[in-house]
Amino acid sequence: MLVAMRGENLAVPRRTASLSAQLVDSLRAHIAGGAWPVGTRIPPEHTLVEQLGVGRTTLREALGALVHLGLLEARVGDGTYVRATDELQSVLERRAGAARRAEVHELRAVLEEYASGAAASRRTEKDLAELRQLLAEADDAHRSGDMAQVADVDGRFHRAVVHASGNALLTEVYEYLGNALTTALDGQTMTEETVAGHTRLHGRLVAAIEAGDAARARRAAAAIVHFTQDNDR
């Protein structure tokens, strides 16, 4: 049986039987719930031992199991980071990472072209407001020369387009695949020219979605993927 810690969302194992397995389930739920977002470093070992009231050996066994499942990543001298929210995301990341980069771009094209066309037909005013805001954020990041922020806004922009499609299942699938595809394409060089090109093409996509022109939105999405692929050689 698990009991929630006071002031914490983590569940603390109460019985000693299969304590490590219980802790794995508790930590997995904590990660899946978004309490520790992907890419963040989890609290240090001594903090977790104190919070959970478990021994270091039990904690290390549980963390080791989550590393094996692909949810966590241990970085020597730096700590342990959240790699994926669940096993499916981890599997997709590994599979996408093993694929040819051309295949990754093709999969992006399939998903994002459809989503963009659907977004043009179904977008709400809230969707449009978010897309405009993300365009403004991308422009600010570009002007400041913050390439890490440019990449972050780019990912959020594409997720927002998919969300605007109004297809809940597609949105959920893209949440899984989007992270996997981004990971698979890590290492792309972001130059002034490529950032400017993405900004211009994103603006065209938002204009097409706002106009309700599904065909133009699909073409704009295709142009983004092709531009990305052309600059990934």
C-alpha atoms as a PDB file:
ATOM      1  CA  MET A   1       0.000   0.000   0.000  1.00  0.00           C
ATOM      2  CA  LEU A   2       1.260   3.496  -0.806  1.00  0.00           C
ATOM      3  CA  VAL A   3       0.567   6.623   1.165  1.00  0.00           C
ATOM      4  CA  ALA A   4       1.138  10.144  -0.149  1.00  0.00           C
ATOM      5  CA  MET A   5       3.753  12.257   1.601  1.00  0.00           C
ATOM      6  CA  ARG A   6       2.516  15.354   3.348  1.00  0.00           C
ATOM      7  CA  GLY A   7       3.397  18.342   1.200  1.00  0.00           C
ATOM      8  CA  GLU A   8       4.638  16.127  -1.618  1.00  0.00           C
ATOM      9  CA  ASN A   9       3.045  14.362  -4.570  1.00  0.00           C
ATOM     10  CA  LEU A  10       5.357  11.388  -4.277  1.00  0.00           C
ATOM     11  CA  ALA A  11       3.831   8.265  -2.790  1.00  0.00           C
ATOM     12  CA  VAL A  12       5.818   6.629  -0.022  1.00  0.00           C
ATOM     13  CA  PRO A  13       5.903   2.821   0.205  1.00  0.00           C
ATOM     14  CA  ARG A  14       4.461   1.698   3.553  1.00  0.00           C
ATOM     15  CA  ARG A  15       5.240  -2.031   3.504  1.00  0.00           C
ATOM     16  CA  THR A  16       8.680  -3.513   3.175  1.00  0.00           C
ATOM     17  CA  ALA A  17       7.580  -6.331   0.838  1.00  0.00           C
ATOM     18  CA  SER A  18       8.634  -5.526  -2.750  1.00  0.00           C
ATOM     19  CA  LEU A  19       9.600  -2.070  -1.562  1.00  0.00           C
ATOM     20  CA  SER A  20      11.767  -1.383  -4.596  1.00  0.00           C
ATOM     21  CA  ALA A  21       8.971  -2.394  -6.994  1.00  0.00           C
ATOM     22  CA  GLN A  22       6.498  -0.177  -5.146  1.00  0.00           C
ATOM     23  CA  LEU A  23       8.924   2.700  -5.338  1.00  0.00           C
ATOM     24  CA  VAL A  24       9.386   2.184  -9.066  1.00  0.00           C
ATOM     25  CA  ASP A  25       5.610   2.452  -9.540  1.00  0.00           C
ATOM     26  CA  SER A  26       5.457   5.543  -7.350  1.00  0.00           C
ATOM     27  CA  LEU A  27       8.274   7.342  -9.167  1.00  0.00           C
ATOM     28  CA  ARG A  28       6.904   6.284 -12.551  1.00  0.00           C
ATOM     29  CA  ALA A  29       3.535   7.849 -11.679  1.00  0.00           C
ATOM     30  CA  HIS A  30       5.308  10.989 -10.506  1.00  0.00           C
ATOM     31  CA  ILE A  31       7.097  11.290 -13.859  1.00  0.00           C
ATOM     32  CA  ALA A  32       3.997  10.464 -15.921  1.00  0.00           C
ATOM     33  CA  GLY A  33       2.047  13.119 -14.032  1.00  0.00           C
ATOM     34  CA  GLY A  34       4.476  15.786 -15.159  1.00  0.00           C
ATOM     35  CA  ALA A  35       5.857  16.629 -11.728  1.00  0.00           C
ATOM     36  CA  TRP A  36       9.331  16.068 -13.164  1.00  0.00           C
ATOM     37  CA  PRO A  37       9.214  17.238 -16.801  1.00  0.00           C
ATOM     38  CA  VAL A  38      11.326  15.636 -19.483  1.00  0.00           C
ATOM     39  CA  GLY A  39      14.812  17.112 -19.474  1.00  0.00           C
ATOM     40  CA  THR A  40      14.840  18.128 -15.811  1.00  0.00           C
ATOM     41  CA  ARG A  41      17.181  16.793 -13.167  1.00  0.00           C
ATOM     42  CA  ILE A  42      15.459  14.899 -10.369  1.00  0.00           C
ATOM     43  CA  PRO A  43      16.247  15.720  -6.716  1.00  0.00           C
ATOM     44  CA  PRO A  44      19.554  14.333  -5.414  1.00  0.00           C
ATOM     45  CA  GLU A  45      19.688  10.937  -3.747  1.00  0.00           C
ATOM     46  CA  HIS A  46      19.913  12.235  -0.175  1.00  0.00           C
ATOM     47  CA  THR A  47      16.821  14.399  -0.698  1.00  0.00           C
ATOM     48  CA  LEU A  48      14.773  11.518  -2.071  1.00  0.00           C
ATOM     49  CA  VAL A  49      15.894   9.208   0.735  1.00  0.00           C
ATOM     50  CA  GLU A  50      14.679  11.753   3.271  1.00  0.00           C
ATOM     51  CA  GLN A  51      11.421  12.514   1.459  1.00  0.00           C
ATOM     52  CA  LEU A  52      10.510   8.895   0.843  1.00  0.00           C
ATOM     53  CA  GLY A  53      11.779   7.364   4.036  1.00  0.00           C
ATOM     54  CA  VAL A  54      13.539   4.540   2.207  1.00  0.00           C
ATOM     55  CA  GLY A  55      17.109   3.286   2.284  1.00  0.00           C
ATOM     56  CA  ARG A  56      19.721   4.261  -0.265  1.00  0.00           C
ATOM     57  CA  THR A  57      19.935   0.703  -1.588  1.00  0.00           C
ATOM     58  CA  THR A  58      16.190   0.557  -2.240  1.00  0.00           C
ATOM     59  CA  LEU A  59      16.238   3.969  -3.898  1.00  0.00           C
ATOM     60  CA  ARG A  60      19.177   3.056  -6.108  1.00  0.00           C
ATOM     61  CA  GLU A  61      17.476  -0.155  -7.189  1.00  0.00           C
ATOM     62  CA  ALA A  62      14.330   1.775  -8.131  1.00  0.00           C
ATOM     63  CA  LEU A  63      16.233   4.489  -9.992  1.00  0.00           C
ATOM     64  CA  GLY A  64      18.292   1.834 -11.770  1.00  0.00           C
ATOM     65  CA  ALA A  65      15.096   0.128 -12.924  1.00  0.00           C
ATOM     66  CA  LEU A  66      13.765   3.416 -14.300  1.00  0.00           C
ATOM     67  CA  VAL A  67      17.049   4.016 -16.121  1.00  0.00           C
ATOM     68  CA  HIS A  68      16.734   0.530 -17.622  1.00  0.00           C
ATOM     69  CA  LEU A  69      13.168   1.309 -18.721  1.00  0.00           C
ATOM     70  CA  GLY A  70      14.402   4.463 -20.423  1.00  0.00           C
ATOM     71  CA  LEU A  71      12.501   6.924 -18.235  1.00  0.00           C
ATOM     72  CA  LEU A  72      15.615   8.256 -16.512  1.00  0.00           C
ATOM     73  CA  GLU A  73      19.160   8.930 -17.658  1.00  0.00           C
ATOM     74  CA  ALA A  74      22.082   8.894 -15.238  1.00  0.00           C
ATOM     75  CA  ARG A  75      24.830  11.366 -16.142  1.00  0.00           C
ATOM     76  CA  VAL A  76      28.113  10.778 -14.355  1.00  0.00           C
ATOM     77  CA  GLY A  77      29.044  13.749 -12.218  1.00  0.00           C
ATOM     78  CA  ASP A  78      25.859  15.612 -13.101  1.00  0.00           C
ATOM     79  CA  GLY A  79      22.908  13.708 -11.651  1.00  0.00           C
ATOM     80  CA  THR A  80      19.897  11.858 -12.983  1.00  0.00           C
ATOM     81  CA  TYR A  81      17.580  13.392 -15.568  1.00  0.00           C
ATOM     82  CA  VAL A  82      14.100  12.569 -16.819  1.00  0.00           C
ATOM     83  CA  ARG A  83      14.396  11.186 -20.329  1.00  0.00           C
ATOM     84  CA  ALA A  84      10.810  10.135 -21.087  1.00  0.00           C
ATOM     85  CA  THR A  85       7.395  10.158 -19.418  1.00  0.00           C
ATOM     86  CA  ASP A  86       6.785   6.473 -20.024  1.00  0.00           C
ATOM     87  CA  GLU A  87       8.171   3.399 -21.735  1.00  0.00           C
ATOM     88  CA  LEU A  88       6.416   4.102 -25.051  1.00  0.00           C
ATOM     89  CA  GLN A  89       8.066   7.482 -25.426  1.00  0.00           C
ATOM     90  CA  SER A  90      11.426   5.933 -24.612  1.00  0.00           C
ATOM     91  CA  VAL A  91      10.937   3.167 -27.200  1.00  0.00           C
ATOM     92  CA  LEU A  92       9.896   5.689 -29.859  1.00  0.00           C
ATOM     93  CA  GLU A  93      12.931   7.842 -29.140  1.00  0.00           C
ATOM     94  CA  ARG A  94      15.253   4.875 -29.521  1.00  0.00           C
ATOM     95  CA  ARG A  95      13.501   3.742 -32.716  1.00  0.00           C
ATOM     96  CA  ALA A  96      13.526   7.216 -34.237  1.00  0.00           C
ATOM     97  CA  GLY A  97      17.156   7.615 -33.234  1.00  0.00           C
ATOM     98  CA  ALA A  98      18.026   4.448 -35.152  1.00  0.00           C
ATOM     99  CA  ALA A  99      16.132   5.519 -38.274  1.00  0.00           C
ATOM    100  CA  ARG A 100      17.641   7.288 -41.241  1.00  0.00           C
ATOM    101  CA  ARG A 101      17.227  11.049 -40.912  1.00  0.00           C
ATOM    102  CA  ALA A 102      15.349  11.146 -44.231  1.00  0.00           C
ATOM    103  CA  GLU A 103      12.773   8.770 -42.754  1.00  0.00           C
ATOM    104  CA  VAL A 104      12.337  11.028 -39.734  1.00  0.00           C
ATOM    105  CA  HIS A 105      11.660  14.016 -41.995  1.00  0.00           C
ATOM    106  CA  GLU A 106       9.155  11.993 -44.025  1.00  0.00           C
ATOM    107  CA  LEU A 107       7.258  11.003 -40.892  1.00  0.00           C
ATOM    108  CA  ARG A 108       7.166  14.633 -39.778  1.00  0.00           C
ATOM    109  CA  ALA A 109       5.739  15.567 -43.172  1.00  0.00           C
ATOM    110  CA  VAL A 110       2.917  13.023 -42.901  1.00  0.00           C
ATOM    111  CA  LEU A 111       1.887  14.177 -39.442  1.00  0.00           C
ATOM    112  CA  GLU A 112       2.346  17.902 -39.775  1.00  0.00           C
ATOM    113  CA  GLU A 113       0.868  18.358 -43.240  1.00  0.00           C
ATOM    114  CA  TYR A 114      -2.359  16.645 -42.205  1.00  0.00           C
ATOM    115  CA  ALA A 115      -2.473  18.468 -38.880  1.00  0.00           C
ATOM    116  CA  SER A 116      -1.949  21.838 -40.555  1.00  0.00           C
ATOM    117  CA  GLY A 117      -4.782  21.273 -43.006  1.00  0.00           C
ATOM    118  CA  ALA A 118      -7.092  20.190 -40.208  1.00  0.00           C
ATOM    119  CA  ALA A 119      -6.031  23.175 -38.114  1.00  0.00           C
ATOM    120  CA  ALA A 120      -7.075  25.534 -40.921  1.00  0.00           C
ATOM    121  CA  SER A 121     -10.564  24.047 -40.788  1.00  0.00           C
ATOM    122  CA  ARG A 122     -10.985  23.653 -37.024  1.00  0.00           C
ATOM    123  CA  ARG A 123      -8.789  26.223 -35.282  1.00  0.00           C
ATOM    124  CA  THR A 124     -10.324  28.359 -32.564  1.00  0.00           C
ATOM    125  CA  GLU A 125      -9.545  31.957 -31.672  1.00  0.00           C
ATOM    126  CA  LYS A 126      -7.597  30.630 -28.695  1.00  0.00           C
ATOM    127  CA  ASP A 127      -5.505  28.468 -31.042  1.00  0.00           C
ATOM    128  CA  LEU A 128      -4.771  31.454 -33.268  1.00  0.00           C
ATOM    129  CA  ALA A 129      -3.824  33.611 -30.295  1.00  0.00           C
ATOM    130  CA  GLU A 130      -1.352  30.970 -29.117  1.00  0.00           C
ATOM    131  CA  LEU A 131       0.192  30.601 -32.568  1.00  0.00           C
ATOM    132  CA  ARG A 132       0.604  34.379 -32.892  1.00  0.00           C
ATOM    133  CA  GLN A 133       2.167  34.513 -29.437  1.00  0.00           C
ATOM    134  CA  LEU A 134       4.631  31.786 -30.374  1.00  0.00           C
ATOM    135  CA  LEU A 135       5.570  33.645 -33.552  1.00  0.00           C
ATOM    136  CA  ALA A 136       6.309  36.715 -31.420  1.00  0.00           C
ATOM    137  CA  GLU A 137       8.373  34.638 -28.975  1.00  0.00           C
ATOM    138  CA  ALA A 138      10.330  33.111 -31.846  1.00  0.00           C
ATOM    139  CA  ASP A 139      11.058  36.574 -33.233  1.00  0.00           C
ATOM    140  CA  ASP A 140      12.263  37.781 -29.820  1.00  0.00           C
ATOM    141  CA  ALA A 141      14.492  34.716 -29.410  1.00  0.00           C
ATOM    142  CA  HIS A 142      15.870  35.214 -32.909  1.00  0.00           C
ATOM    143  CA  ARG A 143      16.686  38.873 -32.242  1.00  0.00           C
ATOM    144  CA  SER A 144      18.406  38.026 -28.977  1.00  0.00           C
ATOM    145  CA  GLY A 145      20.465  35.298 -30.621  1.00  0.00           C
ATOM    146  CA  ASP A 146      19.279  32.723 -28.066  1.00  0.00           C
ATOM    147  CA  MET A 147      19.348  29.584 -30.209  1.00  0.00           C
ATOM    148  CA  ALA A 148      18.292  27.324 -27.333  1.00  0.00           C
ATOM    149  CA  GLN A 149      15.169  29.426 -26.907  1.00  0.00           C
ATOM    150  CA  VAL A 150      14.589  29.402 -30.670  1.00  0.00           C
ATOM    151  CA  ALA A 151      14.604  25.593 -30.624  1.00  0.00           C
ATOM    152  CA  ASP A 152      12.276  25.476 -27.610  1.00  0.00           C
ATOM    153  CA  VAL A 153       9.746  27.836 -29.212  1.00  0.00           C
ATOM    154  CA  ASP A 154       9.954  25.908 -32.484  1.00  0.00           C
ATOM    155  CA  GLY A 155       8.926  22.694 -30.726  1.00  0.00           C
ATOM    156  CA  ARG A 156       6.063  24.406 -28.931  1.00  0.00           C
ATOM    157  CA  PHE A 157       4.913  25.990 -32.188  1.00  0.00           C
ATOM    158  CA  HIS A 158       4.600  22.662 -33.983  1.00  0.00           C
ATOM    159  CA  ARG A 159       2.779  21.090 -31.029  1.00  0.00           C
ATOM    160  CA  ALA A 160       0.381  24.043 -31.009  1.00  0.00           C
ATOM    161  CA  VAL A 161      -0.375  23.545 -34.709  1.00  0.00           C
ATOM    162  CA  VAL A 162      -1.161  19.886 -34.107  1.00  0.00           C
ATOM    163  CA  HIS A 163      -3.340  20.773 -31.122  1.00  0.00           C
ATOM    164  CA  ALA A 164      -5.237  23.245 -33.312  1.00  0.00           C
ATOM    165  CA  SER A 165      -6.183  20.323 -35.581  1.00  0.00           C
ATOM    166  CA  GLY A 166      -8.850  19.451 -33.012  1.00  0.00           C
ATOM    167  CA  ASN A 167      -7.885  15.779 -33.178  1.00  0.00           C
ATOM    168  CA  ALA A 168      -7.206  14.657 -29.611  1.00  0.00           C
ATOM    169  CA  LEU A 169      -5.715  11.307 -30.633  1.00  0.00           C
ATOM    170  CA  LEU A 170      -3.379  12.895 -33.171  1.00  0.00           C
ATOM    171  CA  THR A 171      -2.306  15.413 -30.546  1.00  0.00           C
ATOM    172  CA  GLU A 172      -1.510  12.633 -28.081  1.00  0.00           C
ATOM    173  CA  VAL A 173       0.411  10.613 -30.672  1.00  0.00           C
ATOM    174  CA  TYR A 174       2.355  13.703 -31.703  1.00  0.00           C
ATOM    175  CA  GLU A 175       3.281  14.413 -28.090  1.00  0.00           C
ATOM    176  CA  TYR A 176       5.016  11.044 -28.085  1.00  0.00           C
ATOM    177  CA  LEU A 177       6.468  11.214 -31.569  1.00  0.00           C
ATOM    178  CA  GLY A 178       7.317  14.916 -31.448  1.00  0.00           C
ATOM    179  CA  ASN A 179       9.827  14.406 -28.669  1.00  0.00           C
ATOM    180  CA  ALA A 180      11.224  11.338 -30.404  1.00  0.00           C
ATOM    181  CA  LEU A 181      11.603  13.180 -33.705  1.00  0.00           C
ATOM    182  CA  THR A 182      13.213  16.181 -32.042  1.00  0.00           C
ATOM    183  CA  THR A 183      15.695  13.900 -30.285  1.00  0.00           C
ATOM    184  CA  ALA A 184      16.432  12.068 -33.522  1.00  0.00           C
ATOM    185  CA  LEU A 185      17.228  15.352 -35.288  1.00  0.00           C
ATOM    186  CA  ASP A 186      19.448  16.727 -32.516  1.00  0.00           C
ATOM    187  CA  GLY A 187      22.663  18.126 -33.835  1.00  0.00           C
ATOM    188  CA  GLN A 188      21.192  20.237 -36.621  1.00  0.00           C
ATOM    189  CA  THR A 189      23.073  23.492 -36.997  1.00  0.00           C
ATOM    190  CA  MET A 190      20.954  26.569 -36.340  1.00  0.00           C
ATOM    191  CA  THR A 191      22.326  29.510 -38.312  1.00  0.00           C
ATOM    192  CA  GLU A 192      21.025  33.031 -38.765  1.00  0.00           C
ATOM    193  CA  GLU A 193      19.833  32.040 -42.231  1.00  0.00           C
ATOM    194  CA  THR A 194      17.993  28.877 -41.146  1.00  0.00           C
ATOM    195  CA  VAL A 195      16.313  30.607 -38.198  1.00  0.00           C
ATOM    196  CA  ALA A 196      15.182  33.457 -40.464  1.00  0.00           C
ATOM    197  CA  GLY A 197      13.845  30.903 -42.950  1.00  0.00           C
ATOM    198  CA  HIS A 198      11.884  29.035 -40.297  1.00  0.00           C
ATOM    199  CA  THR A 199      10.436  32.285 -38.965  1.00  0.00           C
ATOM    200  CA  ARG A 200       9.272  33.295 -42.436  1.00  0.00           C
ATOM    201  CA  LEU A 201       7.729  29.882 -43.179  1.00  0.00           C
ATOM    202  CA  HIS A 202       6.028  29.683 -39.783  1.00  0.00           C
ATOM    203  CA  GLY A 203       4.424  33.041 -40.480  1.00  0.00           C
ATOM    204  CA  ARG A 204       3.047  31.727 -43.781  1.00  0.00           C
ATOM    205  CA  LEU A 205       1.616  28.672 -42.038  1.00  0.00           C
ATOM    206  CA  VAL A 206      -0.147  30.742 -39.403  1.00  0.00           C
ATOM    207  CA  ALA A 207      -1.545  33.040 -42.102  1.00  0.00           C
ATOM    208  CA  ALA A 208      -2.956  30.034 -43.974  1.00  0.00           C
ATOM    209  CA  ILE A 209      -4.483  28.573 -40.808  1.00  0.00           C
ATOM    210  CA  GLU A 210      -5.992  31.928 -39.905  1.00  0.00           C
ATOM    211  CA  ALA A 211      -7.453  32.254 -43.411  1.00  0.00           C
ATOM    212  CA  GLY A 212      -9.020  28.806 -43.122  1.00  0.00           C
ATOM    213  CA  ASP A 213      -7.230  27.669 -46.280  1.00  0.00           C
ATOM    214  CA  ALA A 214      -6.487  23.976 -45.662  1.00  0.00           C
ATOM    215  CA  ALA A 215      -4.662  23.379 -48.956  1.00  0.00           C
ATOM    216  CA  ARG A 216      -2.392  26.374 -48.426  1.00  0.00           C
ATOM    217  CA  ALA A 217      -1.736  25.308 -44.839  1.00  0.00           C
ATOM    218  CA  ARG A 218      -0.658  21.831 -45.989  1.00  0.00           C
ATOM    219  CA  ARG A 219       1.672  23.372 -48.567  1.00  0.00           C
ATOM    220  CA  ALA A 220       3.129  25.693 -45.934  1.00  0.00           C
ATOM    221  CA  ALA A 221       3.729  22.762 -43.571  1.00  0.00           C
ATOM    222  CA  ALA A 222       5.374  20.788 -46.369  1.00  0.00           C
ATOM    223  CA  ALA A 223       7.634  23.753 -47.134  1.00  0.00           C
ATOM    224  CA  ILE A 224       8.777  23.848 -43.499  1.00  0.00           C
ATOM    225  CA  VAL A 225       9.676  20.158 -43.484  1.00  0.00           C
ATOM    226  CA  HIS A 226      11.466  20.423 -46.844  1.00  0.00           C
ATOM    227  CA  PHE A 227      13.380  23.482 -45.678  1.00  0.00           C
ATOM    228  CA  THR A 228      14.450  21.650 -42.533  1.00  0.00           C
ATOM    229  CA  GLN A 229      15.499  18.608 -44.547  1.00  0.00           C
ATOM    230  CA  ASP A 230      17.445  20.706 -47.064  1.00  0.00           C
ATOM    231  CA  ASN A 231      19.402  22.253 -44.195  1.00  0.00           C
ATOM    232  CA  ASP A 232      20.092  18.858 -42.619  1.00  0.00           C
ATOM    233  CA  ARG A 233      22.580  17.668 -45.185  1.00  0.00           C
END
